[in-house]
Amino acid sequence: MPRIKAATVVEHRAAQRRVLLDAARAILAETGDVPSLAAIAARAELARPSVYQYFRSRQDLLAAVVEDTFPRWSHRITAAMDGAGNPGEQVLAYVEENLQLVADGEHAVARALTAAAPGDVILERSRIMHDQLRTPVVEALRAHGAVDPEATADLVNALVMTGSRMIEAGTDVVEVRRRVTELLAPYLRSPVRG
């Protein structure tokens, strides 16, 4: 019988589930490929049959990783924006944190999940997350004085996507952030004139 490594069975099961989710995320971030349940079990230092106590299948595990990953991404970006001063700095914080998440491997996780998890689950969670993240950027741009904050948010996100591709191609995140800030800072650090 396996040893319980927590005060209660409920806490033990939650901790084991967390270890499996973290193992799957780590493999996705490192390889960009969807791992087998055996690989996840090995990374988590659990027997493969133990995985089935928490997840019925690889698709079930991937759906759980999706539910775990997107809110974490959203929380990091929201926290970065909340920690910034004025609306222009909030937009820069949004950009910088997105780029850092890509450098940390989070985008590789999301991309691998998009390729492997059930399409409807990923597409819906992705749409919800992007909507959640877009709203504060649009509001910050509106507060900054952008004439068309929605279109400006689209342009900001285009820079984030281009910067993301550069990071994934091997450009250092610090260099990418410097270049993006060089483009955005003159606009975001000065008052907008109608």
C-alpha atoms as a PDB file:
ATOM      1  CA  MET A   1       0.000   0.000   0.000  1.00  0.00           C
ATOM      2  CA  PRO A   2       1.429   3.437  -0.908  1.00  0.00           C
ATOM      3  CA  ARG A   3       2.468   5.731   1.893  1.00  0.00           C
ATOM      4  CA  ILE A   4       0.323   8.760   2.581  1.00  0.00           C
ATOM      5  CA  LYS A   5       2.625  11.794   2.491  1.00  0.00           C
ATOM      6  CA  ALA A   6       0.190  14.328   3.947  1.00  0.00           C
ATOM      7  CA  ALA A   7      -1.925  14.849   7.068  1.00  0.00           C
ATOM      8  CA  THR A   8      -5.048  13.485   5.363  1.00  0.00           C
ATOM      9  CA  VAL A   9      -5.901  11.301   2.396  1.00  0.00           C
ATOM     10  CA  VAL A  10      -7.580  14.292   0.740  1.00  0.00           C
ATOM     11  CA  GLU A  11      -4.404  16.402   1.106  1.00  0.00           C
ATOM     12  CA  HIS A  12      -2.293  13.484  -0.153  1.00  0.00           C
ATOM     13  CA  ARG A  13      -4.474  13.045  -3.245  1.00  0.00           C
ATOM     14  CA  ALA A  14      -4.380  16.798  -3.956  1.00  0.00           C
ATOM     15  CA  ALA A  15      -0.580  16.810  -3.630  1.00  0.00           C
ATOM     16  CA  GLN A  16      -0.191  13.766  -5.906  1.00  0.00           C
ATOM     17  CA  ARG A  17      -2.496  15.322  -8.497  1.00  0.00           C
ATOM     18  CA  ARG A  18      -0.442  18.534  -8.335  1.00  0.00           C
ATOM     19  CA  VAL A  19       2.784  16.550  -8.862  1.00  0.00           C
ATOM     20  CA  LEU A  20       1.296  14.903 -11.953  1.00  0.00           C
ATOM     21  CA  LEU A  21       0.083  18.222 -13.392  1.00  0.00           C
ATOM     22  CA  ASP A  22       3.489  19.807 -12.757  1.00  0.00           C
ATOM     23  CA  ALA A  23       5.260  16.838 -14.364  1.00  0.00           C
ATOM     24  CA  ALA A  24       3.076  17.085 -17.472  1.00  0.00           C
ATOM     25  CA  ARG A  25       3.609  20.860 -17.699  1.00  0.00           C
ATOM     26  CA  ALA A  26       7.378  20.473 -17.308  1.00  0.00           C
ATOM     27  CA  ILE A  27       7.593  17.900 -20.098  1.00  0.00           C
ATOM     28  CA  LEU A  28       5.376  20.017 -22.357  1.00  0.00           C
ATOM     29  CA  ALA A  29       7.541  23.093 -21.686  1.00  0.00           C
ATOM     30  CA  GLU A  30      10.789  21.218 -22.321  1.00  0.00           C
ATOM     31  CA  THR A  31       9.795  19.290 -25.421  1.00  0.00           C
ATOM     32  CA  GLY A  32       6.690  20.936 -26.855  1.00  0.00           C
ATOM     33  CA  ASP A  33       5.329  17.407 -27.292  1.00  0.00           C
ATOM     34  CA  VAL A  34       2.513  15.716 -25.438  1.00  0.00           C
ATOM     35  CA  PRO A  35       4.035  13.153 -23.093  1.00  0.00           C
ATOM     36  CA  SER A  36       2.753   9.644 -22.494  1.00  0.00           C
ATOM     37  CA  LEU A  37       1.245   8.778 -19.135  1.00  0.00           C
ATOM     38  CA  ALA A  38       4.306   6.597 -18.519  1.00  0.00           C
ATOM     39  CA  ALA A  39       6.625   9.592 -19.041  1.00  0.00           C
ATOM     40  CA  ILE A  40       4.505  11.734 -16.735  1.00  0.00           C
ATOM     41  CA  ALA A  41       4.497   9.021 -14.077  1.00  0.00           C
ATOM     42  CA  ALA A  42       8.285   8.664 -14.350  1.00  0.00           C
ATOM     43  CA  ARG A  43       8.796  12.444 -14.023  1.00  0.00           C
ATOM     44  CA  ALA A  44       6.461  12.489 -10.997  1.00  0.00           C
ATOM     45  CA  GLU A  45       8.283   9.460  -9.541  1.00  0.00           C
ATOM     46  CA  LEU A  46       5.054   7.474  -9.358  1.00  0.00           C
ATOM     47  CA  ALA A  47       4.117   4.096 -10.741  1.00  0.00           C
ATOM     48  CA  ARG A  48       2.264   4.352 -14.047  1.00  0.00           C
ATOM     49  CA  PRO A  49      -0.893   2.677 -12.652  1.00  0.00           C
ATOM     50  CA  SER A  50      -0.991   5.412  -9.981  1.00  0.00           C
ATOM     51  CA  VAL A  51      -1.695   7.996 -12.677  1.00  0.00           C
ATOM     52  CA  TYR A  52      -5.020   6.287 -13.399  1.00  0.00           C
ATOM     53  CA  GLN A  53      -6.144   6.947  -9.828  1.00  0.00           C
ATOM     54  CA  TYR A  54      -6.170  10.652 -10.739  1.00  0.00           C
ATOM     55  CA  PHE A  55      -6.828  10.746 -14.489  1.00  0.00           C
ATOM     56  CA  ARG A  56      -8.802   8.282 -16.658  1.00  0.00           C
ATOM     57  CA  SER A  57      -6.717   8.921 -19.767  1.00  0.00           C
ATOM     58  CA  ARG A  58      -4.065  11.131 -21.298  1.00  0.00           C
ATOM     59  CA  GLN A  59      -6.827  13.373 -22.715  1.00  0.00           C
ATOM     60  CA  ASP A  60      -8.301  13.702 -19.210  1.00  0.00           C
ATOM     61  CA  LEU A  61      -4.879  14.704 -17.876  1.00  0.00           C
ATOM     62  CA  LEU A  62      -4.360  17.190 -20.720  1.00  0.00           C
ATOM     63  CA  ALA A  63      -7.761  18.761 -20.057  1.00  0.00           C
ATOM     64  CA  ALA A  64      -6.718  19.187 -16.407  1.00  0.00           C
ATOM     65  CA  VAL A  65      -3.425  20.789 -17.495  1.00  0.00           C
ATOM     66  CA  VAL A  66      -5.416  23.201 -19.677  1.00  0.00           C
ATOM     67  CA  GLU A  67      -7.654  24.123 -16.737  1.00  0.00           C
ATOM     68  CA  ASP A  68      -4.526  24.656 -14.629  1.00  0.00           C
ATOM     69  CA  THR A  69      -2.335  26.495 -17.165  1.00  0.00           C
ATOM     70  CA  PHE A  70      -4.532  29.257 -18.532  1.00  0.00           C
ATOM     71  CA  PRO A  71      -5.552  30.727 -15.163  1.00  0.00           C
ATOM     72  CA  ARG A  72      -1.890  30.751 -14.073  1.00  0.00           C
ATOM     73  CA  TRP A  73      -0.935  32.730 -17.203  1.00  0.00           C
ATOM     74  CA  SER A  74      -3.828  35.126 -16.641  1.00  0.00           C
ATOM     75  CA  HIS A  75      -2.929  35.607 -12.971  1.00  0.00           C
ATOM     76  CA  ARG A  76       0.693  36.474 -13.751  1.00  0.00           C
ATOM     77  CA  ILE A  77      -0.302  39.070 -16.321  1.00  0.00           C
ATOM     78  CA  THR A  78      -3.000  40.594 -14.129  1.00  0.00           C
ATOM     79  CA  ALA A  79      -0.587  40.789 -11.184  1.00  0.00           C
ATOM     80  CA  ALA A  80       2.052  42.485 -13.360  1.00  0.00           C
ATOM     81  CA  MET A  81      -0.459  45.042 -14.614  1.00  0.00           C
ATOM     82  CA  ASP A  82      -1.815  45.668 -11.122  1.00  0.00           C
ATOM     83  CA  GLY A  83       1.724  46.337  -9.908  1.00  0.00           C
ATOM     84  CA  ALA A  84       2.336  49.000 -12.548  1.00  0.00           C
ATOM     85  CA  GLY A  85       1.645  52.678 -11.942  1.00  0.00           C
ATOM     86  CA  ASN A  86      -0.194  54.564 -14.660  1.00  0.00           C
ATOM     87  CA  PRO A  87      -2.134  53.090 -17.614  1.00  0.00           C
ATOM     88  CA  GLY A  88       0.814  53.334 -20.018  1.00  0.00           C
ATOM     89  CA  GLU A  89       3.033  51.411 -17.592  1.00  0.00           C
ATOM     90  CA  GLN A  90       0.252  48.831 -17.184  1.00  0.00           C
ATOM     91  CA  VAL A  91       0.323  48.159 -20.925  1.00  0.00           C
ATOM     92  CA  LEU A  92       4.118  47.812 -20.841  1.00  0.00           C
ATOM     93  CA  ALA A  93       3.789  45.418 -17.884  1.00  0.00           C
ATOM     94  CA  TYR A  94       1.297  43.372 -19.909  1.00  0.00           C
ATOM     95  CA  VAL A  95       3.731  43.142 -22.813  1.00  0.00           C
ATOM     96  CA  GLU A  96       6.769  42.357 -20.672  1.00  0.00           C
ATOM     97  CA  GLU A  97       5.012  39.663 -18.626  1.00  0.00           C
ATOM     98  CA  ASN A  98       3.645  37.984 -21.756  1.00  0.00           C
ATOM     99  CA  LEU A  99       7.145  37.873 -23.210  1.00  0.00           C
ATOM    100  CA  GLN A 100       8.571  36.527 -19.950  1.00  0.00           C
ATOM    101  CA  LEU A 101       5.932  33.786 -19.907  1.00  0.00           C
ATOM    102  CA  VAL A 102       7.031  32.781 -23.393  1.00  0.00           C
ATOM    103  CA  ALA A 103      10.673  32.739 -22.257  1.00  0.00           C
ATOM    104  CA  ASP A 104       9.642  30.613 -19.249  1.00  0.00           C
ATOM    105  CA  GLY A 105       8.196  27.993 -21.599  1.00  0.00           C
ATOM    106  CA  GLU A 106       4.531  28.685 -20.910  1.00  0.00           C
ATOM    107  CA  HIS A 107       3.766  29.378 -24.560  1.00  0.00           C
ATOM    108  CA  ALA A 108       5.272  26.034 -25.520  1.00  0.00           C
ATOM    109  CA  VAL A 109       2.934  24.395 -23.018  1.00  0.00           C
ATOM    110  CA  ALA A 110      -0.075  26.218 -24.471  1.00  0.00           C
ATOM    111  CA  ARG A 111       0.979  25.420 -28.040  1.00  0.00           C
ATOM    112  CA  ALA A 112       1.484  21.724 -27.266  1.00  0.00           C
ATOM    113  CA  LEU A 113      -1.862  21.615 -25.506  1.00  0.00           C
ATOM    114  CA  THR A 114      -3.542  23.292 -28.457  1.00  0.00           C
ATOM    115  CA  ALA A 115      -2.119  20.629 -30.747  1.00  0.00           C
ATOM    116  CA  ALA A 116      -3.072  17.672 -28.563  1.00  0.00           C
ATOM    117  CA  ALA A 117      -5.927  18.333 -26.180  1.00  0.00           C
ATOM    118  CA  PRO A 118      -9.571  18.099 -27.163  1.00  0.00           C
ATOM    119  CA  GLY A 119     -10.095  21.005 -29.591  1.00  0.00           C
ATOM    120  CA  ASP A 120     -13.264  22.388 -28.046  1.00  0.00           C
ATOM    121  CA  VAL A 121     -11.769  22.490 -24.561  1.00  0.00           C
ATOM    122  CA  ILE A 122      -8.632  24.315 -25.696  1.00  0.00           C
ATOM    123  CA  LEU A 123     -10.364  26.708 -28.044  1.00  0.00           C
ATOM    124  CA  GLU A 124     -12.947  27.741 -25.480  1.00  0.00           C
ATOM    125  CA  ARG A 125     -10.409  28.139 -22.630  1.00  0.00           C
ATOM    126  CA  SER A 126      -8.058  30.019 -24.947  1.00  0.00           C
ATOM    127  CA  ARG A 127     -10.828  32.359 -26.078  1.00  0.00           C
ATOM    128  CA  ILE A 128     -11.896  33.028 -22.489  1.00  0.00           C
ATOM    129  CA  MET A 129      -8.306  33.664 -21.379  1.00  0.00           C
ATOM    130  CA  HIS A 130      -7.548  35.992 -24.266  1.00  0.00           C
ATOM    131  CA  ASP A 131     -10.777  37.893 -23.609  1.00  0.00           C
ATOM    132  CA  GLN A 132      -9.891  38.156 -19.921  1.00  0.00           C
ATOM    133  CA  LEU A 133      -6.417  39.443 -20.758  1.00  0.00           C
ATOM    134  CA  ARG A 134      -7.544  41.785 -23.523  1.00  0.00           C
ATOM    135  CA  THR A 135     -10.098  43.611 -21.377  1.00  0.00           C
ATOM    136  CA  PRO A 136      -7.609  45.183 -18.927  1.00  0.00           C
ATOM    137  CA  VAL A 137      -5.292  46.167 -21.800  1.00  0.00           C
ATOM    138  CA  VAL A 138      -8.153  47.864 -23.635  1.00  0.00           C
ATOM    139  CA  GLU A 139      -9.170  49.628 -20.398  1.00  0.00           C
ATOM    140  CA  ALA A 140      -5.588  50.754 -19.736  1.00  0.00           C
ATOM    141  CA  LEU A 141      -5.316  52.083 -23.284  1.00  0.00           C
ATOM    142  CA  ARG A 142      -8.662  53.846 -22.904  1.00  0.00           C
ATOM    143  CA  ALA A 143      -7.454  55.432 -19.643  1.00  0.00           C
ATOM    144  CA  HIS A 144      -4.232  56.414 -21.399  1.00  0.00           C
ATOM    145  CA  GLY A 145      -6.283  58.270 -23.996  1.00  0.00           C
ATOM    146  CA  ALA A 146      -6.114  55.999 -27.047  1.00  0.00           C
ATOM    147  CA  VAL A 147      -8.567  57.120 -29.715  1.00  0.00           C
ATOM    148  CA  ASP A 148      -9.448  53.497 -30.588  1.00  0.00           C
ATOM    149  CA  PRO A 149      -8.280  51.370 -27.631  1.00  0.00           C
ATOM    150  CA  GLU A 150      -9.503  48.102 -29.184  1.00  0.00           C
ATOM    151  CA  ALA A 151      -7.482  48.597 -32.382  1.00  0.00           C
ATOM    152  CA  THR A 152      -4.478  49.765 -30.371  1.00  0.00           C
ATOM    153  CA  ALA A 153      -4.754  46.609 -28.204  1.00  0.00           C
ATOM    154  CA  ASP A 154      -4.670  44.541 -31.396  1.00  0.00           C
ATOM    155  CA  LEU A 155      -1.466  46.318 -32.433  1.00  0.00           C
ATOM    156  CA  VAL A 156       0.075  45.772 -28.992  1.00  0.00           C
ATOM    157  CA  ASN A 157      -0.806  42.083 -29.200  1.00  0.00           C
ATOM    158  CA  ALA A 158       0.756  41.899 -32.669  1.00  0.00           C
ATOM    159  CA  LEU A 159       4.021  43.092 -31.104  1.00  0.00           C
ATOM    160  CA  VAL A 160       3.647  40.485 -28.343  1.00  0.00           C
ATOM    161  CA  MET A 161       3.147  37.744 -30.942  1.00  0.00           C
ATOM    162  CA  THR A 162       6.144  38.891 -32.989  1.00  0.00           C
ATOM    163  CA  GLY A 163       8.272  39.114 -29.842  1.00  0.00           C
ATOM    164  CA  SER A 164       7.077  35.639 -28.839  1.00  0.00           C
ATOM    165  CA  ARG A 165       8.197  34.190 -32.151  1.00  0.00           C
ATOM    166  CA  MET A 166      11.594  35.880 -31.761  1.00  0.00           C
ATOM    167  CA  ILE A 167      12.038  34.380 -28.270  1.00  0.00           C
ATOM    168  CA  GLU A 168      11.019  30.948 -29.484  1.00  0.00           C
ATOM    169  CA  ALA A 169      13.541  31.292 -32.328  1.00  0.00           C
ATOM    170  CA  GLY A 170      16.319  31.928 -29.806  1.00  0.00           C
ATOM    171  CA  THR A 171      16.493  35.705 -29.285  1.00  0.00           C
ATOM    172  CA  ASP A 172      17.079  36.556 -25.631  1.00  0.00           C
ATOM    173  CA  VAL A 173      13.946  37.774 -23.840  1.00  0.00           C
ATOM    174  CA  VAL A 174      15.793  40.833 -22.497  1.00  0.00           C
ATOM    175  CA  GLU A 175      16.669  41.898 -26.042  1.00  0.00           C
ATOM    176  CA  VAL A 176      13.102  41.343 -27.263  1.00  0.00           C
ATOM    177  CA  ARG A 177      11.658  43.330 -24.341  1.00  0.00           C
ATOM    178  CA  ARG A 178      14.113  46.139 -25.055  1.00  0.00           C
ATOM    179  CA  ARG A 179      13.073  46.297 -28.704  1.00  0.00           C
ATOM    180  CA  VAL A 180       9.340  46.189 -27.959  1.00  0.00           C
ATOM    181  CA  THR A 181       9.684  48.814 -25.225  1.00  0.00           C
ATOM    182  CA  GLU A 182      11.689  50.974 -27.622  1.00  0.00           C
ATOM    183  CA  LEU A 183       8.679  50.936 -29.949  1.00  0.00           C
ATOM    184  CA  LEU A 184       5.914  51.339 -27.374  1.00  0.00           C
ATOM    185  CA  ALA A 185       7.434  53.534 -24.651  1.00  0.00           C
ATOM    186  CA  PRO A 186       7.312  56.848 -26.547  1.00  0.00           C
ATOM    187  CA  TYR A 187       3.569  56.421 -26.972  1.00  0.00           C
ATOM    188  CA  LEU A 188       2.810  54.864 -23.570  1.00  0.00           C
ATOM    189  CA  ARG A 189       4.968  57.199 -21.513  1.00  0.00           C
ATOM    190  CA  SER A 190       3.577  60.427 -22.908  1.00  0.00           C
ATOM    191  CA  PRO A 191       0.054  61.798 -22.797  1.00  0.00           C
ATOM    192  CA  VAL A 192      -2.040  61.042 -25.852  1.00  0.00           C
ATOM    193  CA  ARG A 193      -3.322  64.045 -27.675  1.00  0.00           C
ATOM    194  CA  GLY A 194      -6.804  63.668 -29.195  1.00  0.00           C
END
